PDB file of N, CA and C in Angstrom:
ATOM      1  N   UNK A   1    -124.602  45.862  28.422  1.00  0.00           N
ATOM      2  CA  UNK A   1    -123.268  45.470  27.871  1.00  0.00           C
ATOM      3  C   UNK A   1    -122.530  46.670  27.555  1.00  0.00           C
ATOM      4  N   UNK A   2    -121.211  46.730  28.082  1.00  0.00           N
ATOM      5  CA  UNK A   2    -120.467  47.908  27.692  1.00  0.00           C
ATOM      6  C   UNK A   2    -119.414  47.522  26.680  1.00  0.00           C
ATOM      7  N   UNK A   3    -119.011  48.540  25.924  1.00  0.00           N
ATOM      8  CA  UNK A   3    -118.050  48.388  24.846  1.00  0.00           C
ATOM      9  C   UNK A   3    -116.702  47.961  25.517  1.00  0.00           C
ATOM     10  N   UNK A   4    -116.378  48.571  26.651  1.00  0.00           N
ATOM     11  CA  UNK A   4    -115.179  48.302  27.439  1.00  0.00           C
ATOM     12  C   UNK A   4    -115.019  46.861  27.759  1.00  0.00           C
ATOM     13  N   UNK A   5    -116.045  46.249  28.190  1.00  0.00           N
ATOM     14  CA  UNK A   5    -116.072  44.729  28.504  1.00  0.00           C
ATOM     15  C   UNK A   5    -115.885  44.064  27.269  1.00  0.00           C
ATOM     16  N   UNK A   6    -116.460  44.350  26.209  1.00  0.00           N
ATOM     17  CA  UNK A   6    -116.267  43.545  25.037  1.00  0.00           C
ATOM     18  C   UNK A   6    -114.856  43.741  24.479  1.00  0.00           C
ATOM     19  N   UNK A   7    -114.330  44.892  24.608  1.00  0.00           N
ATOM     20  CA  UNK A   7    -112.872  45.054  24.120  1.00  0.00           C
ATOM     21  C   UNK A   7    -111.902  44.410  25.050  1.00  0.00           C
ATOM     22  N   UNK A   8    -112.174  44.335  26.294  1.00  0.00           N
ATOM     23  CA  UNK A   8    -111.323  43.613  27.286  1.00  0.00           C
ATOM     24  C   UNK A   8    -111.395  42.143  27.048  1.00  0.00           C
ATOM     25  N   UNK A   9    -112.580  41.642  26.839  1.00  0.00           N
ATOM     26  CA  UNK A   9    -112.730  40.242  26.624  1.00  0.00           C
ATOM     27  C   UNK A   9    -111.971  39.815  25.280  1.00  0.00           C
ATOM     28  N   UNK A  10    -112.061  40.624  24.234  1.00  0.00           N
ATOM     29  CA  UNK A  10    -111.296  40.358  23.052  1.00  0.00           C
ATOM     30  C   UNK A  10    -109.794  40.343  23.285  1.00  0.00           C
ATOM     31  N   UNK A  11    -109.347  41.211  24.185  1.00  0.00           N
ATOM     32  CA  UNK A  11    -107.898  41.253  24.398  1.00  0.00           C
ATOM     33  C   UNK A  11    -107.428  39.910  25.107  1.00  0.00           C
ATOM     34  N   UNK A  12    -108.322  39.280  25.814  1.00  0.00           N
ATOM     35  CA  UNK A  12    -108.042  37.955  26.422  1.00  0.00           C
ATOM     36  C   UNK A  12    -108.055  36.705  25.514  1.00  0.00           C
ATOM     37  N   UNK A  13    -108.598  36.900  24.342  1.00  0.00           N
ATOM     38  CA  UNK A  13    -108.796  35.876  23.399  1.00  0.00           C
ATOM     39  C   UNK A  13    -107.523  35.183  22.994  1.00  0.00           C
ATOM     40  N   UNK A  14    -107.502  33.916  22.719  1.00  0.00           N
ATOM     41  CA  UNK A  14    -106.337  33.157  22.277  1.00  0.00           C
ATOM     42  C   UNK A  14    -106.662  32.560  20.981  1.00  0.00           C
ATOM     43  N   UNK A  15    -105.676  32.289  20.101  1.00  0.00           N
ATOM     44  CA  UNK A  15    -105.840  31.769  18.763  1.00  0.00           C
ATOM     45  C   UNK A  15    -105.935  30.278  18.827  1.00  0.00           C
ATOM     46  N   UNK A  16    -106.793  29.745  17.964  1.00  0.00           N
ATOM     47  CA  UNK A  16    -107.003  28.250  17.888  1.00  0.00           C
ATOM     48  C   UNK A  16    -106.894  27.923  16.344  1.00  0.00           C
ATOM     49  N   UNK A  17    -106.230  26.810  16.085  1.00  0.00           N
ATOM     50  CA  UNK A  17    -106.254  26.284  14.666  1.00  0.00           C
ATOM     51  C   UNK A  17    -106.823  24.819  14.730  1.00  0.00           C
ATOM     52  N   UNK A  18    -107.618  24.554  13.848  1.00  0.00           N
ATOM     53  CA  UNK A  18    -108.171  23.233  13.676  1.00  0.00           C
ATOM     54  C   UNK A  18    -107.441  22.428  12.563  1.00  0.00           C
ATOM     55  N   UNK A  19    -106.830  21.368  12.989  1.00  0.00           N
ATOM     56  CA  UNK A  19    -105.940  20.623  12.015  1.00  0.00           C
ATOM     57  C   UNK A  19    -106.349  19.085  11.992  1.00  0.00           C
ATOM     58  N   UNK A  20    -105.989  18.442  11.019  1.00  0.00           N
ATOM     59  CA  UNK A  20    -106.351  17.033  10.825  1.00  0.00           C
ATOM     60  C   UNK A  20    -105.764  16.158  11.976  1.00  0.00           C
ATOM     61  N   UNK A  21    -106.394  15.237  12.436  1.00  0.00           N
ATOM     62  CA  UNK A  21    -105.950  14.282  13.354  1.00  0.00           C
ATOM     63  C   UNK A  21    -104.810  13.368  12.764  1.00  0.00           C
ATOM     64  N   UNK A  22    -104.747  13.362  11.409  1.00  0.00           N
ATOM     65  CA  UNK A  22    -103.742  12.662  10.727  1.00  0.00           C
ATOM     66  C   UNK A  22    -102.270  13.221  10.843  1.00  0.00           C
ATOM     67  N   UNK A  23    -102.241  14.372  11.450  1.00  0.00           N
ATOM     68  CA  UNK A  23    -100.880  15.040  11.791  1.00  0.00           C
ATOM     69  C   UNK A  23    -100.256  14.439  12.970  1.00  0.00           C
ATOM     70  N   UNK A  24    -101.057  13.515  13.681  1.00  0.00           N
ATOM     71  CA  UNK A  24    -100.456  12.790  14.808  1.00  0.00           C
ATOM     72  C   UNK A  24    -100.330  11.345  14.466  1.00  0.00           C
ATOM     73  N   UNK A  25     -99.229  10.806  15.004  1.00  0.00           N
ATOM     74  CA  UNK A  25     -98.933   9.427  14.895  1.00  0.00           C
ATOM     75  C   UNK A  25     -99.973   8.546  15.526  1.00  0.00           C
ATOM     76  N   UNK A  26    -100.410   7.397  15.085  1.00  0.00           N
ATOM     77  CA  UNK A  26    -101.447   6.563  15.658  1.00  0.00           C
ATOM     78  C   UNK A  26    -101.185   6.408  17.249  1.00  0.00           C
ATOM     79  N   UNK A  27     -99.943   6.212  17.674  1.00  0.00           N
ATOM     80  CA  UNK A  27     -99.702   6.106  19.090  1.00  0.00           C
ATOM     81  C   UNK A  27     -99.994   7.405  19.862  1.00  0.00           C
ATOM     82  N   UNK A  28     -99.742   8.537  19.290  1.00  0.00           N
ATOM     83  CA  UNK A  28    -100.055   9.802  19.820  1.00  0.00           C
ATOM     84  C   UNK A  28    -101.520  10.073  19.821  1.00  0.00           C
ATOM     85  N   UNK A  29    -102.161   9.596  18.835  1.00  0.00           N
ATOM     86  CA  UNK A  29    -103.628   9.701  18.810  1.00  0.00           C
ATOM     87  C   UNK A  29    -104.228   8.891  19.893  1.00  0.00           C
ATOM     88  N   UNK A  30    -103.782   7.815  20.152  1.00  0.00           N
ATOM     89  CA  UNK A  30    -104.243   6.970  21.284  1.00  0.00           C
ATOM     90  C   UNK A  30    -103.992   7.629  22.641  1.00  0.00           C
ATOM     91  N   UNK A  31    -102.807   8.170  22.750  1.00  0.00           N
ATOM     92  CA  UNK A  31    -102.506   8.976  24.026  1.00  0.00           C
ATOM     93  C   UNK A  31    -103.388  10.146  24.195  1.00  0.00           C
ATOM     94  N   UNK A  32    -103.751  10.842  23.057  1.00  0.00           N
ATOM     95  CA  UNK A  32    -104.687  11.922  23.140  1.00  0.00           C
ATOM     96  C   UNK A  32    -106.056  11.326  23.571  1.00  0.00           C
ATOM     97  N   UNK A  33    -106.474  10.289  22.928  1.00  0.00           N
ATOM     98  CA  UNK A  33    -107.803   9.633  23.221  1.00  0.00           C
ATOM     99  C   UNK A  33    -107.939   9.273  24.711  1.00  0.00           C
ATOM    100  N   UNK A  34    -106.758   8.842  25.293  1.00  0.00           N
ATOM    101  CA  UNK A  34    -106.794   8.257  26.613  1.00  0.00           C
ATOM    102  C   UNK A  34    -106.377   9.365  27.631  1.00  0.00           C
ATOM    103  N   UNK A  35    -106.235  10.636  27.161  1.00  0.00           N
ATOM    104  CA  UNK A  35    -105.794  11.692  28.027  1.00  0.00           C
ATOM    105  C   UNK A  35    -104.449  11.483  28.670  1.00  0.00           C
ATOM    106  N   UNK A  36    -103.604  10.994  27.906  1.00  0.00           N
ATOM    107  CA  UNK A  36    -102.218  10.642  28.466  1.00  0.00           C
ATOM    108  C   UNK A  36    -100.998  11.313  27.738  1.00  0.00           C
ATOM    109  N   UNK A  37    -101.236  12.453  27.080  1.00  0.00           N
ATOM    110  CA  UNK A  37    -100.274  13.201  26.482  1.00  0.00           C
ATOM    111  C   UNK A  37     -99.309  13.888  27.461  1.00  0.00           C
ATOM    112  N   UNK A  38     -98.159  14.330  27.047  1.00  0.00           N
ATOM    113  CA  UNK A  38     -97.176  14.912  28.016  1.00  0.00           C
ATOM    114  C   UNK A  38     -97.459  16.354  28.223  1.00  0.00           C
ATOM    115  N   UNK A  39     -98.437  16.859  27.517  1.00  0.00           N
ATOM    116  CA  UNK A  39     -98.843  18.289  27.702  1.00  0.00           C
ATOM    117  C   UNK A  39    -100.385  18.469  27.911  1.00  0.00           C
ATOM    118  N   UNK A  40    -100.810  19.482  28.313  1.00  0.00           N
ATOM    119  CA  UNK A  40    -102.260  19.737  28.524  1.00  0.00           C
ATOM    120  C   UNK A  40    -103.074  19.469  27.317  1.00  0.00           C
ATOM    121  N   UNK A  41    -103.973  18.595  27.444  1.00  0.00           N
ATOM    122  CA  UNK A  41    -104.879  18.222  26.408  1.00  0.00           C
ATOM    123  C   UNK A  41    -106.297  17.763  26.837  1.00  0.00           C
ATOM    124  N   UNK A  42    -107.263  17.930  25.965  1.00  0.00           N
ATOM    125  CA  UNK A  42    -108.645  17.646  26.313  1.00  0.00           C
ATOM    126  C   UNK A  42    -109.246  16.723  25.255  1.00  0.00           C
ATOM    127  N   UNK A  43    -109.377  15.473  25.361  1.00  0.00           N
ATOM    128  CA  UNK A  43    -109.882  14.623  24.391  1.00  0.00           C
ATOM    129  C   UNK A  43    -111.377  14.909  24.052  1.00  0.00           C
ATOM    130  N   UNK A  44    -111.672  14.784  22.840  1.00  0.00           N
ATOM    131  CA  UNK A  44    -113.105  14.888  22.305  1.00  0.00           C
ATOM    132  C   UNK A  44    -113.464  13.650  21.633  1.00  0.00           C
ATOM    133  N   UNK A  45    -114.770  13.540  21.118  1.00  0.00           N
ATOM    134  CA  UNK A  45    -115.166  12.348  20.489  1.00  0.00           C
ATOM    135  C   UNK A  45    -114.437  12.129  19.160  1.00  0.00           C
ATOM    136  N   UNK A  46    -113.827  13.185  18.547  1.00  0.00           N
ATOM    137  CA  UNK A  46    -113.310  13.116  17.258  1.00  0.00           C
ATOM    138  C   UNK A  46    -111.852  13.561  17.148  1.00  0.00           C
ATOM    139  N   UNK A  47    -111.207  13.631  18.313  1.00  0.00           N
ATOM    140  CA  UNK A  47    -109.804  14.123  18.316  1.00  0.00           C
ATOM    141  C   UNK A  47    -109.558  14.639  19.655  1.00  0.00           C
ATOM    142  N   UNK A  48    -109.090  16.013  19.786  1.00  0.00           N
ATOM    143  CA  UNK A  48    -108.862  16.673  20.981  1.00  0.00           C
ATOM    144  C   UNK A  48    -108.263  17.970  20.758  1.00  0.00           C
ATOM    145  N   UNK A  49    -108.396  18.694  21.925  1.00  0.00           N
ATOM    146  CA  UNK A  49    -107.905  20.038  22.009  1.00  0.00           C
ATOM    147  C   UNK A  49    -106.506  20.047  22.806  1.00  0.00           C
ATOM    148  N   UNK A  50    -105.556  20.615  22.274  1.00  0.00           N
ATOM    149  CA  UNK A  50    -104.113  20.594  22.887  1.00  0.00           C
ATOM    150  C   UNK A  50    -103.689  22.117  23.081  1.00  0.00           C
ATOM    151  N   UNK A  51    -103.356  22.314  24.333  1.00  0.00           N
ATOM    152  CA  UNK A  51    -102.846  23.700  24.599  1.00  0.00           C
ATOM    153  C   UNK A  51    -101.364  23.817  24.243  1.00  0.00           C
ATOM    154  N   UNK A  52    -101.102  24.829  23.601  1.00  0.00           N
ATOM    155  CA  UNK A  52     -99.665  25.133  23.100  1.00  0.00           C
ATOM    156  C   UNK A  52     -99.025  26.268  23.941  1.00  0.00           C
ATOM    157  N   UNK A  53     -99.821  27.371  23.996  1.00  0.00           N
ATOM    158  CA  UNK A  53     -99.227  28.578  24.580  1.00  0.00           C
ATOM    159  C   UNK A  53     -98.544  29.373  23.574  1.00  0.00           C
ATOM    160  N   UNK A  54     -98.450  30.678  23.808  1.00  0.00           N
ATOM    161  CA  UNK A  54     -97.871  31.573  22.906  1.00  0.00           C
ATOM    162  C   UNK A  54     -96.952  32.608  23.771  1.00  0.00           C
ATOM    163  N   UNK A  55     -95.713  32.193  23.908  1.00  0.00           N
ATOM    164  CA  UNK A  55     -94.881  31.123  23.378  1.00  0.00           C
ATOM    165  C   UNK A  55     -95.275  29.761  24.153  1.00  0.00           C
ATOM    166  N   UNK A  56     -94.739  28.788  23.452  1.00  0.00           N
ATOM    167  CA  UNK A  56     -95.071  27.363  24.006  1.00  0.00           C
ATOM    168  C   UNK A  56     -94.813  27.335  25.565  1.00  0.00           C
ATOM    169  N   UNK A  57     -95.742  26.690  26.275  1.00  0.00           N
ATOM    170  CA  UNK A  57     -95.459  26.496  27.650  1.00  0.00           C
ATOM    171  C   UNK A  57     -94.622  25.392  27.892  1.00  0.00           C
ATOM    172  N   UNK A  58     -94.886  24.260  27.139  1.00  0.00           N
ATOM    173  CA  UNK A  58     -94.020  22.996  27.227  1.00  0.00           C
ATOM    174  C   UNK A  58     -93.752  22.456  25.863  1.00  0.00           C
ATOM    175  N   UNK A  59     -92.581  21.779  25.873  1.00  0.00           N
ATOM    176  CA  UNK A  59     -92.301  21.012  24.561  1.00  0.00           C
ATOM    177  C   UNK A  59     -92.731  19.645  24.812  1.00  0.00           C
ATOM    178  N   UNK A  60     -93.705  19.129  23.880  1.00  0.00           N
ATOM    179  CA  UNK A  60     -94.214  17.750  24.049  1.00  0.00           C
ATOM    180  C   UNK A  60     -93.101  16.636  24.076  1.00  0.00           C
ATOM    181  N   UNK A  61     -93.273  15.622  24.742  1.00  0.00           N
ATOM    182  CA  UNK A  61     -92.336  14.511  24.660  1.00  0.00           C
ATOM    183  C   UNK A  61     -92.617  13.592  23.371  1.00  0.00           C
ATOM    184  N   UNK A  62     -93.830  13.743  22.817  1.00  0.00           N
ATOM    185  CA  UNK A  62     -94.103  12.969  21.556  1.00  0.00           C
ATOM    186  C   UNK A  62     -93.600  13.780  20.396  1.00  0.00           C
ATOM    187  N   UNK A  63     -92.630  13.119  19.563  1.00  0.00           N
ATOM    188  CA  UNK A  63     -91.868  13.884  18.534  1.00  0.00           C
ATOM    189  C   UNK A  63     -92.868  14.489  17.535  1.00  0.00           C
ATOM    190  N   UNK A  64     -93.854  13.751  17.090  1.00  0.00           N
ATOM    191  CA  UNK A  64     -94.827  14.204  16.048  1.00  0.00           C
ATOM    192  C   UNK A  64     -95.572  15.452  16.588  1.00  0.00           C
ATOM    193  N   UNK A  65     -96.017  15.453  17.834  1.00  0.00           N
ATOM    194  CA  UNK A  65     -96.722  16.551  18.420  1.00  0.00           C
ATOM    195  C   UNK A  65     -95.837  17.721  18.742  1.00  0.00           C
ATOM    196  N   UNK A  66     -94.530  17.505  18.985  1.00  0.00           N
ATOM    197  CA  UNK A  66     -93.544  18.455  19.079  1.00  0.00           C
ATOM    198  C   UNK A  66     -93.428  19.302  17.842  1.00  0.00           C
ATOM    199  N   UNK A  67     -93.326  18.580  16.755  1.00  0.00           N
ATOM    200  CA  UNK A  67     -93.148  19.215  15.371  1.00  0.00           C
ATOM    201  C   UNK A  67     -94.338  20.199  15.065  1.00  0.00           C
ATOM    202  N   UNK A  68     -95.561  19.699  15.345  1.00  0.00           N
ATOM    203  CA  UNK A  68     -96.803  20.402  15.119  1.00  0.00           C
ATOM    204  C   UNK A  68     -96.797  21.640  16.024  1.00  0.00           C
ATOM    205  N   UNK A  69     -96.409  21.512  17.305  1.00  0.00           N
ATOM    206  CA  UNK A  69     -96.522  22.637  18.213  1.00  0.00           C
ATOM    207  C   UNK A  69     -95.448  23.657  17.963  1.00  0.00           C
ATOM    208  N   UNK A  70     -94.266  23.261  17.339  1.00  0.00           N
ATOM    209  CA  UNK A  70     -93.354  24.135  16.966  1.00  0.00           C
ATOM    210  C   UNK A  70     -93.791  25.074  15.784  1.00  0.00           C
ATOM    211  N   UNK A  71     -94.512  24.551  14.934  1.00  0.00           N
ATOM    212  CA  UNK A  71     -95.096  25.407  13.857  1.00  0.00           C
ATOM    213  C   UNK A  71     -96.164  26.198  14.462  1.00  0.00           C
ATOM    214  N   UNK A  72     -96.977  25.709  15.322  1.00  0.00           N
ATOM    215  CA  UNK A  72     -98.092  26.508  16.030  1.00  0.00           C
ATOM    216  C   UNK A  72     -97.471  27.675  16.699  1.00  0.00           C
ATOM    217  N   UNK A  73     -96.341  27.428  17.442  1.00  0.00           N
ATOM    218  CA  UNK A  73     -95.727  28.562  18.107  1.00  0.00           C
ATOM    219  C   UNK A  73     -95.260  29.620  17.109  1.00  0.00           C
ATOM    220  N   UNK A  74     -94.613  29.256  16.090  1.00  0.00           N
ATOM    221  CA  UNK A  74     -94.234  30.160  15.045  1.00  0.00           C
ATOM    222  C   UNK A  74     -95.395  30.896  14.464  1.00  0.00           C
ATOM    223  N   UNK A  75     -96.524  30.274  14.312  1.00  0.00           N
ATOM    224  CA  UNK A  75     -97.694  30.948  13.790  1.00  0.00           C
ATOM    225  C   UNK A  75     -98.479  31.808  14.791  1.00  0.00           C
ATOM    226  N   UNK A  76     -98.052  31.741  16.130  1.00  0.00           N
ATOM    227  CA  UNK A  76     -98.843  32.445  17.188  1.00  0.00           C
ATOM    228  C   UNK A  76    -100.086  31.638  17.536  1.00  0.00           C
ATOM    229  N   UNK A  77    -100.127  30.443  17.294  1.00  0.00           N
ATOM    230  CA  UNK A  77    -101.315  29.704  17.737  1.00  0.00           C
ATOM    231  C   UNK A  77    -101.168  29.130  19.146  1.00  0.00           C
ATOM    232  N   UNK A  78    -102.169  29.418  19.935  1.00  0.00           N
ATOM    233  CA  UNK A  78    -102.185  28.958  21.388  1.00  0.00           C
ATOM    234  C   UNK A  78    -102.824  27.674  21.659  1.00  0.00           C
ATOM    235  N   UNK A  79    -103.777  27.272  20.751  1.00  0.00           N
ATOM    236  CA  UNK A  79    -104.513  25.976  20.920  1.00  0.00           C
ATOM    237  C   UNK A  79    -104.579  25.268  19.610  1.00  0.00           C
ATOM    238  N   UNK A  80    -104.393  23.966  19.621  1.00  0.00           N
ATOM    239  CA  UNK A  80    -104.599  23.100  18.439  1.00  0.00           C
ATOM    240  C   UNK A  80    -105.857  22.209  18.663  1.00  0.00           C
ATOM    241  N   UNK A  81    -106.764  22.242  17.787  1.00  0.00           N
ATOM    242  CA  UNK A  81    -107.905  21.333  17.792  1.00  0.00           C
ATOM    243  C   UNK A  81    -107.705  20.245  16.792  1.00  0.00           C
ATOM    244  N   UNK A  82    -107.234  19.101  17.223  1.00  0.00           N
ATOM    245  CA  UNK A  82    -107.044  17.820  16.263  1.00  0.00           C
ATOM    246  C   UNK A  82    -108.380  17.211  16.048  1.00  0.00           C
ATOM    247  N   UNK A  83    -108.752  17.231  14.782  1.00  0.00           N
ATOM    248  CA  UNK A  83    -110.146  16.686  14.437  1.00  0.00           C
ATOM    249  C   UNK A  83    -110.073  15.821  13.238  1.00  0.00           C
ATOM    250  N   UNK A  84    -110.823  14.700  13.291  1.00  0.00           N
ATOM    251  CA  UNK A  84    -110.807  13.805  12.192  1.00  0.00           C
ATOM    252  C   UNK A  84    -111.363  14.436  10.838  1.00  0.00           C
ATOM    253  N   UNK A  85    -112.052  15.477  10.966  1.00  0.00           N
ATOM    254  CA  UNK A  85    -112.660  16.148   9.791  1.00  0.00           C
ATOM    255  C   UNK A  85    -111.912  17.493   9.420  1.00  0.00           C
ATOM    256  N   UNK A  86    -110.975  17.802  10.121  1.00  0.00           N
ATOM    257  CA  UNK A  86    -110.261  19.063   9.914  1.00  0.00           C
ATOM    258  C   UNK A  86    -109.315  18.896   8.711  1.00  0.00           C
ATOM    259  N   UNK A  87    -108.893  20.089   8.159  1.00  0.00           N
ATOM    260  CA  UNK A  87    -107.974  19.913   6.922  1.00  0.00           C
ATOM    261  C   UNK A  87    -106.573  19.525   7.258  1.00  0.00           C
ATOM    262  N   UNK A  88    -105.914  18.957   6.359  1.00  0.00           N
ATOM    263  CA  UNK A  88    -104.488  18.756   6.439  1.00  0.00           C
ATOM    264  C   UNK A  88    -103.777  20.133   6.239  1.00  0.00           C
ATOM    265  N   UNK A  89    -102.631  20.295   6.795  1.00  0.00           N
ATOM    266  CA  UNK A  89    -101.771  21.449   6.600  1.00  0.00           C
ATOM    267  C   UNK A  89    -100.545  21.067   5.938  1.00  0.00           C
ATOM    268  N   UNK A  90    -100.312  21.650   4.782  1.00  0.00           N
ATOM    269  CA  UNK A  90     -99.216  21.337   3.859  1.00  0.00           C
ATOM    270  C   UNK A  90     -97.962  21.735   4.741  1.00  0.00           C
ATOM    271  N   UNK A  91     -96.987  20.773   4.681  1.00  0.00           N
ATOM    272  CA  UNK A  91     -95.687  21.047   5.394  1.00  0.00           C
ATOM    273  C   UNK A  91     -95.665  20.326   6.785  1.00  0.00           C
ATOM    274  N   UNK A  92     -96.867  19.933   7.239  1.00  0.00           N
ATOM    275  CA  UNK A  92     -96.868  19.112   8.528  1.00  0.00           C
ATOM    276  C   UNK A  92     -96.772  17.613   8.201  1.00  0.00           C
ATOM    277  N   UNK A  93     -96.177  16.843   9.062  1.00  0.00           N
ATOM    278  CA  UNK A  93     -96.117  15.392   8.873  1.00  0.00           C
ATOM    279  C   UNK A  93     -97.544  14.874   8.812  1.00  0.00           C
ATOM    280  N   UNK A  94     -97.785  13.701   8.123  1.00  0.00           N
ATOM    281  CA  UNK A  94     -99.032  13.050   7.902  1.00  0.00           C
ATOM    282  C   UNK A  94     -98.776  11.607   8.237  1.00  0.00           C
ATOM    283  N   UNK A  95     -99.630  11.078   9.032  1.00  0.00           N
ATOM    284  CA  UNK A  95     -99.553   9.628   9.388  1.00  0.00           C
ATOM    285  C   UNK A  95    -100.820   8.900   9.042  1.00  0.00           C
ATOM    286  N   UNK A  96    -100.862   8.281   7.830  1.00  0.00           N
ATOM    287  CA  UNK A  96    -102.097   7.824   7.237  1.00  0.00           C
ATOM    288  C   UNK A  96    -102.563   6.390   7.867  1.00  0.00           C
ATOM    289  N   UNK A  97    -101.631   5.685   8.458  1.00  0.00           N
ATOM    290  CA  UNK A  97    -101.990   4.336   9.081  1.00  0.00           C
ATOM    291  C   UNK A  97    -102.584   4.577  10.400  1.00  0.00           C
ATOM    292  N   UNK A  98    -103.805   3.917  10.648  1.00  0.00           N
ATOM    293  CA  UNK A  98    -104.534   4.115  11.848  1.00  0.00           C
ATOM    294  C   UNK A  98    -104.157   3.050  12.884  1.00  0.00           C
ATOM    295  N   UNK A  99    -103.441   1.961  12.535  1.00  0.00           N
ATOM    296  CA  UNK A  99    -103.007   1.008  13.483  1.00  0.00           C
ATOM    297  C   UNK A  99    -101.624   1.345  14.120  1.00  0.00           C
ATOM    298  N   UNK A 100    -101.430   0.785  15.177  1.00  0.00           N
ATOM    299  CA  UNK A 100    -100.122   1.122  15.915  1.00  0.00           C
ATOM    300  C   UNK A 100     -99.035   0.204  15.473  1.00  0.00           C
ATOM    301  N   UNK A 101     -99.114  -0.542  14.407  1.00  0.00           N
ATOM    302  CA  UNK A 101     -98.074  -1.305  14.013  1.00  0.00           C
ATOM    303  C   UNK A 101     -97.052  -0.623  13.203  1.00  0.00           C
TER     304      UNK A 101
END
C-alpha cells in the first residue's frame, strides 16, 4: 500500500451527515421507502441515503427535503443518511406524525 494511493483516495472522499428521519414529512418518508424521490436516493431498512452533491446537483421537488438539502449544501455535505435512530438537528423542520393524514 502506498501513501500516495491513500492520499488520493482521501481526496475523493465526500462528506456524509446522519440525520433523523423525522426531518422528512411522512409522505416524503414513504417516497424514500419506495425509492420514488425526485433526487437520487437509496432506501435502507431504517431510512435511506440521499445524494445532495456539493454544490447541490438537483433541487428536490419535495419541499421538506429541499429545505434539508439547502442546509446540507451550505454545510458542504454531499450525502444525507436519514435514519430512524439518528439525531435531530436543531433548526431543521421536524414532522412527528408518522401517518400520511
